[in-house]
C-alpha atoms as a PDB file:
ATOM      1  CA  MET A   1     -44.293  36.547 -47.525  1.00  0.00           C
ATOM      2  CA  ASP A   2     -46.145  33.433 -48.095  1.00  0.00           C
ATOM      3  CA  ASN A   3     -43.006  31.761 -49.483  1.00  0.00           C
ATOM      4  CA  LEU A   4     -40.887  32.702 -46.799  1.00  0.00           C
ATOM      5  CA  ASN A   5     -43.492  31.180 -44.199  1.00  0.00           C
ATOM      6  CA  LEU A   6     -43.464  27.912 -46.285  1.00  0.00           C
ATOM      7  CA  VAL A   7     -39.578  27.854 -46.372  1.00  0.00           C
ATOM      8  CA  ILE A   8     -39.546  28.373 -42.654  1.00  0.00           C
ATOM      9  CA  ALA A   9     -41.982  25.524 -42.030  1.00  0.00           C
ATOM     10  CA  GLY A  10     -40.142  23.421 -44.455  1.00  0.00           C
ATOM     11  CA  LEU A  11     -36.977  23.703 -42.570  1.00  0.00           C
ATOM     12  CA  PHE A  12     -38.650  23.304 -39.169  1.00  0.00           C
ATOM     13  CA  LEU A  13     -40.150  20.072 -40.420  1.00  0.00           C
ATOM     14  CA  LEU A  14     -36.870  18.930 -41.651  1.00  0.00           C
ATOM     15  CA  ALA A  15     -35.212  19.599 -38.273  1.00  0.00           C
ATOM     16  CA  VAL A  16     -37.967  17.581 -36.366  1.00  0.00           C
ATOM     17  CA  ILE A  17     -37.600  14.818 -38.857  1.00  0.00           C
ATOM     18  CA  TYR A  18     -33.837  14.961 -38.227  1.00  0.00           C
ATOM     19  CA  ILE A  19     -34.278  15.039 -34.387  1.00  0.00           C
ATOM     20  CA  GLY A  20     -36.938  12.290 -34.446  1.00  0.00           C
ATOM     21  CA  ALA A  21     -34.619   9.964 -36.443  1.00  0.00           C
ATOM     22  CA  GLN A  22     -31.610  10.503 -34.174  1.00  0.00           C
ATOM     23  CA  VAL A  23     -33.937   9.560 -31.281  1.00  0.00           C
ATOM     24  CA  ILE A  24     -34.920   6.371 -32.862  1.00  0.00           C
ATOM     25  CA  MET A  25     -31.655   5.502 -34.331  1.00  0.00           C
ATOM     26  CA  LYS A  26     -29.465   5.889 -31.151  1.00  0.00           C
ATOM     27  CA  PRO A  27     -31.070   2.973 -29.170  1.00  0.00           C
ATOM     28  CA  VAL A  28     -31.002   0.902 -32.357  1.00  0.00           C
ATOM     29  CA  LYS A  29     -27.227   1.436 -32.810  1.00  0.00           C
ATOM     30  CA  LEU A  30     -26.528   0.901 -29.125  1.00  0.00           C
ATOM     31  CA  LEU A  31     -28.561  -2.466 -29.039  1.00  0.00           C
ATOM     32  CA  TRP A  32     -26.593  -3.761 -32.353  1.00  0.00           C
ATOM     33  CA  LYS A  33     -23.381  -2.823 -30.663  1.00  0.00           C
ATOM     34  CA  LEU A  34     -24.281  -4.742 -27.406  1.00  0.00           C
ATOM     35  CA  VAL A  35     -25.382  -7.662 -29.471  1.00  0.00           C
ATOM     36  CA  THR A  36     -22.317  -7.820 -31.566  1.00  0.00           C
ATOM     37  CA  ASN A  37     -20.171  -7.362 -28.436  1.00  0.00           C
ATOM     38  CA  SER A  38     -21.823 -10.214 -26.633  1.00  0.00           C
ATOM     39  CA  ILE A  39     -21.306 -12.626 -29.553  1.00  0.00           C
ATOM     40  CA  ILE A  40     -17.619 -11.659 -29.481  1.00  0.00           C
ATOM     41  CA  GLY A  41     -17.650 -12.137 -25.819  1.00  0.00           C
ATOM     42  CA  LEU A  42     -19.149 -15.624 -26.082  1.00  0.00           C
ATOM     43  CA  VAL A  43     -16.781 -16.627 -28.629  1.00  0.00           C
ATOM     44  CA  LEU A  44     -13.712 -15.663 -26.400  1.00  0.00           C
ATOM     45  CA  LEU A  45     -15.314 -17.323 -23.538  1.00  0.00           C
ATOM     46  CA  LEU A  46     -15.732 -20.650 -25.470  1.00  0.00           C
ATOM     47  CA  LEU A  47     -12.082 -20.187 -26.683  1.00  0.00           C
ATOM     48  CA  VAL A  48     -10.688 -19.879 -23.142  1.00  0.00           C
ATOM     49  CA  ASN A  49     -12.713 -22.660 -21.756  1.00  0.00           C
ATOM     50  CA  TYR A  50     -11.608 -24.855 -24.762  1.00  0.00           C
ATOM     51  CA  GLY A  51      -7.942 -23.988 -23.974  1.00  0.00           C
ATOM     52  CA  ALA A  52      -8.134 -24.200 -20.231  1.00  0.00           C
ATOM     53  CA  ALA A  53     -10.255 -27.421 -20.062  1.00  0.00           C
ATOM     54  CA  ARG A  54      -6.856 -29.368 -20.306  1.00  0.00           C
ATOM     55  CA  PHE A  55      -5.867 -27.786 -17.020  1.00  0.00           C
ATOM     56  CA  GLY A  56      -9.380 -28.341 -15.343  1.00  0.00           C
ATOM     57  CA  PHE A  57     -10.309 -24.679 -15.485  1.00  0.00           C
ATOM     58  CA  ILE A  58     -13.630 -23.634 -16.675  1.00  0.00           C
ATOM     59  CA  LEU A  59     -15.196 -20.192 -16.847  1.00  0.00           C
ATOM     60  CA  PRO A  60     -18.993 -20.243 -16.452  1.00  0.00           C
ATOM     61  CA  VAL A  61     -20.919 -19.272 -19.459  1.00  0.00           C
ATOM     62  CA  ASN A  62     -23.825 -16.957 -18.515  1.00  0.00           C
ATOM     63  CA  VAL A  63     -25.297 -13.622 -19.417  1.00  0.00           C
ATOM     64  CA  ILE A  64     -23.105 -11.850 -16.792  1.00  0.00           C
ATOM     65  CA  THR A  65     -19.752 -13.229 -18.086  1.00  0.00           C
ATOM     66  CA  ILE A  66     -20.644 -12.879 -21.840  1.00  0.00           C
ATOM     67  CA  LEU A  67     -21.655  -9.138 -21.146  1.00  0.00           C
ATOM     68  CA  VAL A  68     -18.313  -8.541 -19.272  1.00  0.00           C
ATOM     69  CA  ALA A  69     -16.173 -10.201 -22.018  1.00  0.00           C
ATOM     70  CA  GLY A  70     -18.135  -8.449 -24.679  1.00  0.00           C
ATOM     71  CA  PHE A  71     -17.791  -4.981 -23.124  1.00  0.00           C
ATOM     72  CA  LEU A  72     -14.118  -5.437 -21.881  1.00  0.00           C
ATOM     73  CA  GLY A  73     -12.645  -7.732 -24.496  1.00  0.00           C
ATOM     74  CA  ILE A  74      -9.527  -9.462 -23.682  1.00  0.00           C
ATOM     75  CA  PRO A  75      -9.181  -7.452 -20.297  1.00  0.00           C
ATOM     76  CA  GLY A  76     -12.643  -8.676 -19.145  1.00  0.00           C
ATOM     77  CA  ILE A  77     -11.587 -12.265 -19.917  1.00  0.00           C
ATOM     78  CA  LEU A  78      -8.462 -11.819 -17.770  1.00  0.00           C
ATOM     79  CA  LEU A  79     -10.708 -10.049 -15.151  1.00  0.00           C
ATOM     80  CA  LEU A  80     -13.063 -13.279 -15.145  1.00  0.00           C
ATOM     81  CA  ILE A  81     -10.161 -15.450 -15.095  1.00  0.00           C
ATOM     82  CA  CYS A  82      -8.691 -13.934 -12.037  1.00  0.00           C
ATOM     83  CA  PHE A  83     -12.132 -13.553 -10.277  1.00  0.00           C
ATOM     84  CA  GLN A  84     -12.640 -17.339 -11.066  1.00  0.00           C
ATOM     85  CA  LEU A  85      -9.403 -18.272  -9.333  1.00  0.00           C
ATOM     86  CA  LEU A  86      -9.888 -16.146  -6.395  1.00  0.00           C
ATOM     87  CA  LEU A  87     -13.303 -18.013  -5.861  1.00  0.00           C
ATOM     88  CA  GLN A  88     -11.602 -21.269  -6.094  1.00  0.00           C
END
């Protein structure tokens, strides 16, 4: 009987450790993905600004545009270009 209680307690402890690790690791993975996508968005913005500077067109590089470009990728860049053209 004592061995059964010990096994049940061990399984319960493993379940608690697993759930705790998941709670800690999910935000870390999300933060890492956000940083990676933001860096990619920044690179895309800089490439667009480098190519479009010849035509006098510049996209502002700030936190909002970097996050939009990072989350949406190339469609986000196109969205920023259209939005910038509408504002001019």
